[in-house]
C-alpha atoms as a PDB file:
ATOM      1  CA  MET A   1      -0.178  -0.013  -0.040  1.00  0.00           C
ATOM      2  CA  LEU A   2       1.466   3.122  -1.139  1.00  0.00           C
ATOM      3  CA  SER A   3       1.420   6.260   1.370  1.00  0.00           C
ATOM      4  CA  ARG A   4      -1.046   8.565  -0.574  1.00  0.00           C
ATOM      5  CA  GLU A   5      -3.511   5.158  -0.070  1.00  0.00           C
ATOM      6  CA  ILE A   6      -2.897   5.186   3.416  1.00  0.00           C
ATOM      7  CA  GLU A   7      -3.388   8.210   3.973  1.00  0.00           C
ATOM      8  CA  ALA A   8      -6.960   8.592   1.733  1.00  0.00           C
ATOM      9  CA  VAL A   9      -7.513   5.551   4.566  1.00  0.00           C
ATOM     10  CA  ALA A  10      -6.644   7.787   7.195  1.00  0.00           C
ATOM     11  CA  LYS A  11      -8.850  11.202   6.435  1.00  0.00           C
ATOM     12  CA  GLU A  12     -11.919   8.224   5.457  1.00  0.00           C
ATOM     13  CA  LEU A  13     -11.535   7.480   9.463  1.00  0.00           C
ATOM     14  CA  LYS A  14     -11.229  11.076  10.226  1.00  0.00           C
ATOM     15  CA  LEU A  15      -7.552   9.938  12.113  1.00  0.00           C
ATOM     16  CA  ASP A  16      -5.917  12.898  10.958  1.00  0.00           C
ATOM     17  CA  GLN A  17      -5.376  15.675  12.951  1.00  0.00           C
ATOM     18  CA  THR A  18      -6.289  14.104  16.212  1.00  0.00           C
ATOM     19  CA  VAL A  19      -4.696  12.042  18.417  1.00  0.00           C
ATOM     20  CA  VAL A  20      -4.870   8.162  17.557  1.00  0.00           C
ATOM     21  CA  GLU A  21      -3.780   5.664  20.650  1.00  0.00           C
ATOM     22  CA  LEU A  22      -2.096   3.110  18.325  1.00  0.00           C
ATOM     23  CA  HIS A  23      -2.015  -0.371  18.452  1.00  0.00           C
ATOM     24  CA  ALA A  24      -0.614  -2.706  15.452  1.00  0.00           C
ATOM     25  CA  SER A  25      -0.184  -5.840  13.751  1.00  0.00           C
ATOM     26  CA  LEU A  26       1.095  -5.239  10.564  1.00  0.00           C
ATOM     27  CA  ARG A  27       1.853  -8.823   9.852  1.00  0.00           C
ATOM     28  CA  SER A  28      -2.096  -8.720   9.057  1.00  0.00           C
ATOM     29  CA  LEU A  29      -1.294  -6.143   6.403  1.00  0.00           C
ATOM     30  CA  THR A  30      -1.602  -8.921   2.350  1.00  0.00           C
ATOM     31  CA  PRO A  31       0.970  -6.911   1.327  1.00  0.00           C
ATOM     32  CA  ARG A  32       3.208  -5.390   4.136  1.00  0.00           C
ATOM     33  CA  VAL A  33       3.255  -2.426   4.878  1.00  0.00           C
ATOM     34  CA  ASP A  34       6.398  -0.751   5.445  1.00  0.00           C
ATOM     35  CA  GLY A  35       5.807   0.896   9.265  1.00  0.00           C
ATOM     36  CA  ASP A  36       7.323   3.644   8.822  1.00  0.00           C
ATOM     37  CA  SER A  37       5.535   4.666   6.291  1.00  0.00           C
ATOM     38  CA  ILE A  38       2.560   4.091   7.943  1.00  0.00           C
ATOM     39  CA  ILE A  39       4.139   7.001  10.748  1.00  0.00           C
ATOM     40  CA  GLY A  40       5.386   9.405   8.251  1.00  0.00           C
ATOM     41  CA  THR A  41       1.852   9.425   7.214  1.00  0.00           C
ATOM     42  CA  PHE A  42       0.082  10.107   9.941  1.00  0.00           C
ATOM     43  CA  LEU A  43       2.175  12.189  10.938  1.00  0.00           C
ATOM     44  CA  HIS A  44       1.649  14.063   7.153  1.00  0.00           C
ATOM     45  CA  LEU A  45      -1.244  14.887   8.817  1.00  0.00           C
ATOM     46  CA  GLY A  46      -1.054  16.752  12.118  1.00  0.00           C
ATOM     47  CA  THR A  47      -1.979  12.985  13.941  1.00  0.00           C
ATOM     48  CA  THR A  48      -0.128  12.601  17.011  1.00  0.00           C
ATOM     49  CA  LEU A  49       0.541   8.726  17.878  1.00  0.00           C
ATOM     50  CA  MET A  50       0.319   6.972  20.912  1.00  0.00           C
ATOM     51  CA  ILE A  51       2.304   4.007  20.443  1.00  0.00           C
ATOM     52  CA  PRO A  52       2.855   1.171  23.464  1.00  0.00           C
ATOM     53  CA  ALA A  53       6.361   0.413  24.396  1.00  0.00           C
ATOM     54  CA  PHE A  54       6.879  -1.697  27.076  1.00  0.00           C
ATOM     55  CA  SER A  55       9.736  -2.642  28.474  1.00  0.00           C
ATOM     56  CA  HIS A  56      10.841  -5.260  31.751  1.00  0.00           C
ATOM     57  CA  ILE A  57      14.219  -4.626  31.173  1.00  0.00           C
ATOM     58  CA  CYS A  58      14.724  -1.965  33.844  1.00  0.00           C
ATOM     59  CA  GLU A  59      12.632  -4.125  36.176  1.00  0.00           C
ATOM     60  CA  VAL A  60      14.214  -4.956  39.959  1.00  0.00           C
ATOM     61  CA  ARG A  61      13.380  -6.380  43.341  1.00  0.00           C
ATOM     62  CA  PRO A  62      14.082  -4.863  46.860  1.00  0.00           C
ATOM     63  CA  SER A  63      14.039  -6.885  49.515  1.00  0.00           C
ATOM     64  CA  GLU A  64      11.096  -8.535  51.178  1.00  0.00           C
ATOM     65  CA  VAL A  65      10.494  -5.768  53.682  1.00  0.00           C
ATOM     66  CA  VAL A  66       9.642  -3.698  50.946  1.00  0.00           C
ATOM     67  CA  GLN A  67       7.221  -6.538  49.328  1.00  0.00           C
ATOM     68  CA  GLN A  68       4.043  -6.411  49.216  1.00  0.00           C
ATOM     69  CA  GLU A  69       1.965  -9.443  50.703  1.00  0.00           C
ATOM     70  CA  VAL A  70      -0.971  -8.460  47.580  1.00  0.00           C
ATOM     71  CA  ASN A  71       0.163  -7.233  44.873  1.00  0.00           C
ATOM     72  CA  GLY A  72      -0.544  -9.661  42.494  1.00  0.00           C
ATOM     73  CA  PHE A  73       2.829 -10.626  41.491  1.00  0.00           C
ATOM     74  CA  SER A  74       4.976 -13.857  42.396  1.00  0.00           C
ATOM     75  CA  TYR A  75       8.289 -12.765  43.887  1.00  0.00           C
ATOM     76  CA  GLY A  76      12.221 -14.239  43.737  1.00  0.00           C
ATOM     77  CA  PRO A  77      15.353 -12.908  45.148  1.00  0.00           C
ATOM     78  CA  PRO A  78      16.332  -9.515  45.287  1.00  0.00           C
ATOM     79  CA  ILE A  79      17.380  -8.199  42.426  1.00  0.00           C
ATOM     80  CA  SER A  80      19.448  -4.653  43.796  1.00  0.00           C
ATOM     81  CA  CYS A  81      20.181  -1.373  41.506  1.00  0.00           C
ATOM     82  CA  SER A  82      23.809  -2.573  41.075  1.00  0.00           C
ATOM     83  CA  LYS A  83      22.601  -5.625  38.837  1.00  0.00           C
ATOM     84  CA  GLY A  84      19.382  -3.765  36.920  1.00  0.00           C
ATOM     85  CA  VAL A  85      19.582  -1.732  33.664  1.00  0.00           C
ATOM     86  CA  SER A  86      18.697   2.633  34.990  1.00  0.00           C
ATOM     87  CA  TYR A  87      15.224   3.634  33.125  1.00  0.00           C
ATOM     88  CA  THR A  88      14.904   7.353  31.866  1.00  0.00           C
ATOM     89  CA  PRO A  89      12.410   8.234  28.682  1.00  0.00           C
ATOM     90  CA  ALA A  90      15.560   8.027  26.760  1.00  0.00           C
ATOM     91  CA  HIS A  91      15.920   4.872  26.809  1.00  0.00           C
ATOM     92  CA  SER A  92      15.615   2.856  23.898  1.00  0.00           C
ATOM     93  CA  HIS A  93      14.948  -0.566  24.922  1.00  0.00           C
ATOM     94  CA  VAL A  94      11.242  -2.356  24.044  1.00  0.00           C
ATOM     95  CA  ASP A  95      10.084  -5.878  25.065  1.00  0.00           C
ATOM     96  CA  GLU A  96       9.921  -7.918  21.710  1.00  0.00           C
ATOM     97  CA  ASN A  97       6.438  -8.539  21.604  1.00  0.00           C
ATOM     98  CA  MET A  98       5.606  -4.947  21.153  1.00  0.00           C
ATOM     99  CA  GLY A  99       6.015  -5.225  17.690  1.00  0.00           C
ATOM    100  CA  VAL A 100       8.714  -2.647  15.159  1.00  0.00           C
ATOM    101  CA  LEU A 101       6.156   0.331  15.341  1.00  0.00           C
ATOM    102  CA  PRO A 102       8.178   2.394  19.017  1.00  0.00           C
ATOM    103  CA  ARG A 103      11.259   1.457  17.437  1.00  0.00           C
ATOM    104  CA  LEU A 104      10.573   3.575  14.470  1.00  0.00           C
ATOM    105  CA  ALA A 105       8.467   5.373  16.275  1.00  0.00           C
ATOM    106  CA  LEU A 106      11.874   5.653  19.039  1.00  0.00           C
ATOM    107  CA  LYS A 107      14.160   6.302  16.168  1.00  0.00           C
ATOM    108  CA  ARG A 108      12.024   9.295  15.009  1.00  0.00           C
ATOM    109  CA  GLY A 109      12.882  10.937  17.779  1.00  0.00           C
ATOM    110  CA  ALA A 110       9.330   9.828  19.360  1.00  0.00           C
ATOM    111  CA  GLU A 111       8.770  11.290  23.068  1.00  0.00           C
ATOM    112  CA  ARG A 112       8.682   8.588  25.728  1.00  0.00           C
ATOM    113  CA  GLY A 113       6.858   8.464  29.057  1.00  0.00           C
ATOM    114  CA  GLY A 114       8.020   8.380  32.262  1.00  0.00           C
ATOM    115  CA  ASN A 115       6.565   4.350  33.069  1.00  0.00           C
ATOM    116  CA  PRO A 116       9.113   1.768  32.631  1.00  0.00           C
ATOM    117  CA  PHE A 117       6.803  -0.717  32.165  1.00  0.00           C
ATOM    118  CA  ASN A 118       3.307  -0.249  30.854  1.00  0.00           C
ATOM    119  CA  SER A 119       5.208   3.749  28.958  1.00  0.00           C
ATOM    120  CA  PHE A 120       3.865   4.914  25.640  1.00  0.00           C
ATOM    121  CA  CYS A 121       5.931   6.830  22.978  1.00  0.00           C
ATOM    122  CA  ALA A 122       4.204   9.512  21.451  1.00  0.00           C
ATOM    123  CA  ILE A 123       5.443  11.423  18.337  1.00  0.00           C
ATOM    124  CA  GLY A 124       3.518  14.895  16.664  1.00  0.00           C
ATOM    125  CA  PRO A 125       2.070  17.851  17.732  1.00  0.00           C
ATOM    126  CA  HIS A 126       0.548  17.131  21.116  1.00  0.00           C
ATOM    127  CA  ALA A 127       3.840  14.783  21.864  1.00  0.00           C
ATOM    128  CA  PHE A 128       5.380  16.293  24.365  1.00  0.00           C
ATOM    129  CA  GLY A 129       3.125  17.271  26.606  1.00  0.00           C
ATOM    130  CA  LEU A 130       0.859  13.758  26.722  1.00  0.00           C
ATOM    131  CA  MET A 131       4.117  12.101  27.676  1.00  0.00           C
ATOM    132  CA  ARG A 132       4.395  14.506  29.898  1.00  0.00           C
ATOM    133  CA  ASP A 133       1.684  12.581  31.998  1.00  0.00           C
ATOM    134  CA  GLN A 134       3.228  10.040  31.900  1.00  0.00           C
ATOM    135  CA  THR A 135       4.630   8.525  34.913  1.00  0.00           C
ATOM    136  CA  ALA A 136       5.597   5.989  36.964  1.00  0.00           C
ATOM    137  CA  GLN A 137       3.100   5.985  39.274  1.00  0.00           C
ATOM    138  CA  GLU A 138       0.391   7.866  36.417  1.00  0.00           C
ATOM    139  CA  THR A 139       0.662   5.028  34.567  1.00  0.00           C
ATOM    140  CA  TYR A 140      -2.676   6.096  32.448  1.00  0.00           C
ATOM    141  CA  GLY A 141      -2.069   9.690  32.562  1.00  0.00           C
ATOM    142  CA  HIS A 142      -1.542   9.709  29.147  1.00  0.00           C
ATOM    143  CA  ILE A 143      -4.287   8.567  27.693  1.00  0.00           C
ATOM    144  CA  GLN A 144      -6.563  10.598  30.057  1.00  0.00           C
ATOM    145  CA  SER A 145      -5.064  13.594  28.589  1.00  0.00           C
ATOM    146  CA  GLY A 146      -5.953  12.586  25.065  1.00  0.00           C
ATOM    147  CA  ALA A 147      -9.448  11.029  25.570  1.00  0.00           C
ATOM    148  CA  ALA A 148      -9.810  14.633  27.115  1.00  0.00           C
ATOM    149  CA  LEU A 149      -8.261  16.295  24.045  1.00  0.00           C
ATOM    150  CA  GLY A 150     -11.567  14.193  21.747  1.00  0.00           C
ATOM    151  CA  GLY A 151      -8.530  11.511  21.033  1.00  0.00           C
ATOM    152  CA  LYS A 152      -8.993   8.391  19.100  1.00  0.00           C
ATOM    153  CA  LEU A 153      -8.208   4.660  19.396  1.00  0.00           C
ATOM    154  CA  LEU A 154      -7.762   3.094  16.381  1.00  0.00           C
ATOM    155  CA  LEU A 155      -7.054  -1.453  15.853  1.00  0.00           C
ATOM    156  CA  ILE A 156      -5.123  -2.487  12.965  1.00  0.00           C
ATOM    157  CA  GLY A 157      -5.598  -6.088  13.017  1.00  0.00           C
ATOM    158  CA  LEU A 158      -6.456  -6.594  16.293  1.00  0.00           C
ATOM    159  CA  ASP A 159      -9.561  -6.134  18.766  1.00  0.00           C
ATOM    160  CA  LEU A 160     -10.215  -4.948  22.183  1.00  0.00           C
ATOM    161  CA  ARG A 161      -8.130  -7.241  23.836  1.00  0.00           C
ATOM    162  CA  VAL A 162      -4.948  -5.410  23.474  1.00  0.00           C
ATOM    163  CA  ALA A 163      -6.222  -1.653  23.929  1.00  0.00           C
ATOM    164  CA  THR A 164      -4.773  -0.109  27.390  1.00  0.00           C
ATOM    165  CA  CYS A 165      -6.927   2.537  26.963  1.00  0.00           C
ATOM    166  CA  LEU A 166      -8.824  -0.121  29.224  1.00  0.00           C
ATOM    167  CA  HIS A 167      -7.179  -0.237  32.058  1.00  0.00           C
ATOM    168  CA  LEU A 168      -7.271   3.861  32.514  1.00  0.00           C
ATOM    169  CA  ALA A 169     -10.886   2.450  32.766  1.00  0.00           C
ATOM    170  CA  GLU A 170     -10.591   0.043  35.856  1.00  0.00           C
ATOM    171  CA  ARG A 171      -8.507   2.807  37.417  1.00  0.00           C
ATOM    172  CA  MET A 172     -11.022   4.975  37.741  1.00  0.00           C
ATOM    173  CA  VAL A 173     -13.370   2.809  39.125  1.00  0.00           C
ATOM    174  CA  GLY A 174     -11.549   1.576  41.914  1.00  0.00           C
ATOM    175  CA  ARG A 175      -9.868  -1.596  40.561  1.00  0.00           C
ATOM    176  CA  LYS A 176      -5.774  -2.190  41.687  1.00  0.00           C
ATOM    177  CA  HIS A 177      -3.089  -1.713  40.163  1.00  0.00           C
ATOM    178  CA  TYR A 178      -0.092  -3.598  41.484  1.00  0.00           C
ATOM    179  CA  VAL A 179       3.089  -2.584  42.360  1.00  0.00           C
ATOM    180  CA  ARG A 180       6.821  -3.059  40.298  1.00  0.00           C
ATOM    181  CA  TRP A 181      10.316  -1.839  41.293  1.00  0.00           C
ATOM    182  CA  PHE A 182      13.033  -0.018  38.634  1.00  0.00           C
ATOM    183  CA  CYS A 183      16.401   1.741  38.809  1.00  0.00           C
ATOM    184  CA  ARG A 184      16.493   4.963  38.065  1.00  0.00           C
ATOM    185  CA  GLU A 185      20.026   6.411  38.695  1.00  0.00           C
ATOM    186  CA  GLY A 186      21.067   3.793  41.487  1.00  0.00           C
ATOM    187  CA  ALA A 187      18.372   4.529  42.936  1.00  0.00           C
ATOM    188  CA  MET A 188      15.032   2.177  43.231  1.00  0.00           C
ATOM    189  CA  GLU A 189      12.041   3.645  42.625  1.00  0.00           C
ATOM    190  CA  SER A 190       8.370   1.719  42.791  1.00  0.00           C
ATOM    191  CA  ALA A 191       5.792   2.410  39.404  1.00  0.00           C
ATOM    192  CA  ARG A 192       1.952   0.943  39.085  1.00  0.00           C
ATOM    193  CA  VAL A 193       1.421  -1.291  36.233  1.00  0.00           C
ATOM    194  CA  GLY A 194      -2.222  -1.872  34.748  1.00  0.00           C
ATOM    195  CA  SER A 195      -4.101  -5.217  36.158  1.00  0.00           C
ATOM    196  CA  CYS A 196      -4.440  -8.716  33.521  1.00  0.00           C
ATOM    197  CA  SER A 197      -6.205  -8.287  30.136  1.00  0.00           C
ATOM    198  CA  PHE A 198      -6.440 -11.790  29.488  1.00  0.00           C
ATOM    199  CA  ALA A 199     -10.396 -11.134  29.160  1.00  0.00           C
ATOM    200  CA  PHE A 200     -10.444  -7.690  28.268  1.00  0.00           C
ATOM    201  CA  GLY A 201     -12.157  -8.968  24.950  1.00  0.00           C
ATOM    202  CA  ASP A 202     -15.473  -8.969  27.306  1.00  0.00           C
ATOM    203  CA  PHE A 203     -15.136  -5.338  26.172  1.00  0.00           C
ATOM    204  CA  MET A 204     -16.245  -6.468  22.958  1.00  0.00           C
ATOM    205  CA  GLU A 205     -19.484  -6.363  23.535  1.00  0.00           C
ATOM    206  CA  VAL A 206     -20.048  -3.552  25.185  1.00  0.00           C
ATOM    207  CA  ILE A 207     -18.422  -1.025  23.053  1.00  0.00           C
ATOM    208  CA  PRO A 208     -19.326  -0.015  19.814  1.00  0.00           C
ATOM    209  CA  HIS A 209     -16.541   1.459  17.313  1.00  0.00           C
ATOM    210  CA  GLU A 210     -17.128   4.521  15.538  1.00  0.00           C
ATOM    211  CA  ALA A 211     -16.037   2.639  12.166  1.00  0.00           C
ATOM    212  CA  GLN A 212     -14.994   0.012  10.401  1.00  0.00           C
ATOM    213  CA  MET A 213     -12.697  -0.978   7.194  1.00  0.00           C
ATOM    214  CA  SER A 214     -10.783  -3.335   5.847  1.00  0.00           C
ATOM    215  CA  VAL A 215      -7.072  -2.709   4.303  1.00  0.00           C
ATOM    216  CA  CYS A 216      -5.054  -4.881   2.917  1.00  0.00           C
ATOM    217  CA  GLY A 217      -6.764  -7.694   4.600  1.00  0.00           C
ATOM    218  CA  SER A 218      -6.645  -6.199   7.529  1.00  0.00           C
ATOM    219  CA  VAL A 219      -9.624  -5.264   9.963  1.00  0.00           C
ATOM    220  CA  TRP A 220      -8.841  -1.444  11.121  1.00  0.00           C
ATOM    221  CA  SER A 221     -11.488  -0.148  13.666  1.00  0.00           C
ATOM    222  CA  VAL A 222     -11.789   3.301  15.209  1.00  0.00           C
ATOM    223  CA  TYR A 223     -13.783   4.069  18.271  1.00  0.00           C
ATOM    224  CA  ASP A 224     -13.826   7.344  20.106  1.00  0.00           C
ATOM    225  CA  LEU A 225     -11.479   7.167  23.129  1.00  0.00           C
ATOM    226  CA  PRO A 226     -13.135   9.063  25.501  1.00  0.00           C
ATOM    227  CA  ILE A 227     -17.144   7.236  24.542  1.00  0.00           C
ATOM    228  CA  VAL A 228     -14.492   4.014  24.846  1.00  0.00           C
ATOM    229  CA  LEU A 229     -13.846   5.270  28.931  1.00  0.00           C
ATOM    230  CA  GLU A 230     -16.803   6.318  29.495  1.00  0.00           C
ATOM    231  CA  THR A 231     -18.299   2.833  28.408  1.00  0.00           C
ATOM    232  CA  ALA A 232     -16.490   0.937  30.092  1.00  0.00           C
ATOM    233  CA  VAL A 233     -16.981   3.213  32.897  1.00  0.00           C
ATOM    234  CA  ASP A 234     -19.897   2.222  33.273  1.00  0.00           C
ATOM    235  CA  ALA A 235     -19.893  -1.341  32.787  1.00  0.00           C
ATOM    236  CA  LEU A 236     -17.554  -1.806  35.026  1.00  0.00           C
ATOM    237  CA  LYS A 237     -19.821   0.036  37.359  1.00  0.00           C
ATOM    238  CA  LYS A 238     -22.971  -2.558  36.472  1.00  0.00           C
ATOM    239  CA  ASN A 239     -20.302  -5.362  36.416  1.00  0.00           C
ATOM    240  CA  ARG A 240     -17.752  -5.937  38.432  1.00  0.00           C
ATOM    241  CA  TYR A 241     -16.132  -9.173  37.515  1.00  0.00           C
ATOM    242  CA  LEU A 242     -15.940  -7.711  33.983  1.00  0.00           C
ATOM    243  CA  GLY A 243     -13.028  -8.183  32.249  1.00  0.00           C
ATOM    244  CA  LEU A 244     -11.440 -10.378  35.199  1.00  0.00           C
ATOM    245  CA  CYS A 245     -10.015 -14.257  33.996  1.00  0.00           C
ATOM    246  CA  ASN A 246     -10.933 -17.402  35.578  1.00  0.00           C
ATOM    247  CA  ARG A 247      -7.078 -18.514  35.181  1.00  0.00           C
ATOM    248  CA  ARG A 248      -5.273 -20.643  37.842  1.00  0.00           C
ATOM    249  CA  SER A 249      -2.677 -18.470  37.854  1.00  0.00           C
ATOM    250  CA  CYS A 250      -3.835 -15.210  37.434  1.00  0.00           C
ATOM    251  CA  LEU A 251      -2.921 -13.591  40.728  1.00  0.00           C
ATOM    252  CA  ARG A 252      -4.070 -10.145  39.926  1.00  0.00           C
ATOM    253  CA  CYS A 253      -7.637 -11.552  38.279  1.00  0.00           C
ATOM    254  CA  ALA A 254      -7.654 -13.277  42.238  1.00  0.00           C
ATOM    255  CA  ILE A 255      -7.677 -10.488  43.811  1.00  0.00           C
ATOM    256  CA  GLU A 256      -9.826  -8.643  42.367  1.00  0.00           C
ATOM    257  CA  ARG A 257     -12.636 -11.438  42.563  1.00  0.00           C
ATOM    258  CA  ALA A 258     -11.986 -10.949  46.188  1.00  0.00           C
ATOM    259  CA  ARG A 259     -12.402  -7.783  46.535  1.00  0.00           C
ATOM    260  CA  VAL A 260     -15.642  -7.647  44.477  1.00  0.00           C
ATOM    261  CA  ASP A 261     -16.813 -10.926  47.279  1.00  0.00           C
ATOM    262  CA  LEU A 262     -16.145  -9.417  50.456  1.00  0.00           C
END
């Protein structure tokens, strides 16, 4: 697909001149589309892209004195900062399963958030302000800010099971976020991370897409970000078990189910 064709699709889906939380599987496109072309086309349209760039290379573990008993985490031996990698927003590492888009965006000079584990990177006119709002403790502050700007959620070849904004909706209704630790300039610091997303397919039954079309054999789904949050919050208030998985190995969902059952 040529850049002008991507541009035509983006305009038809009303993704120009706006903020877009983007989750994409380039493998879903046939023939394959160059990720750099997708980023470049959106930038040409004045769009600000927010792309997940999660990384766990900086994770460390505190002593048992600091470790929290109910934290959705199976602890191993402590790992000190002397053995860890320090995280700053200038850090370039992205976990392999995040795909190529965040790496390409970072090479283009994208801004990166301050949460090492659930970090996003953003590129475009609003990038700096959005990433300034993601911190170690305010994990999804950038998504809240993007929604305030009337942003969109774009899923390319994927569905709501990967939509990070749903973690913000969980937080808005009081679901627990969990603590992890990382190194920054030789000191151990804590950061908040979201809960399990294994059962986020539940939200597909209650959150409508704004537009949807087939592009190169891949389904592109567009959602209005403020409506996603509003609808998800309302659904979670009505059904407190929504989005919780039943896997025996999932400590985070077990903790939340126990809170609901109290």
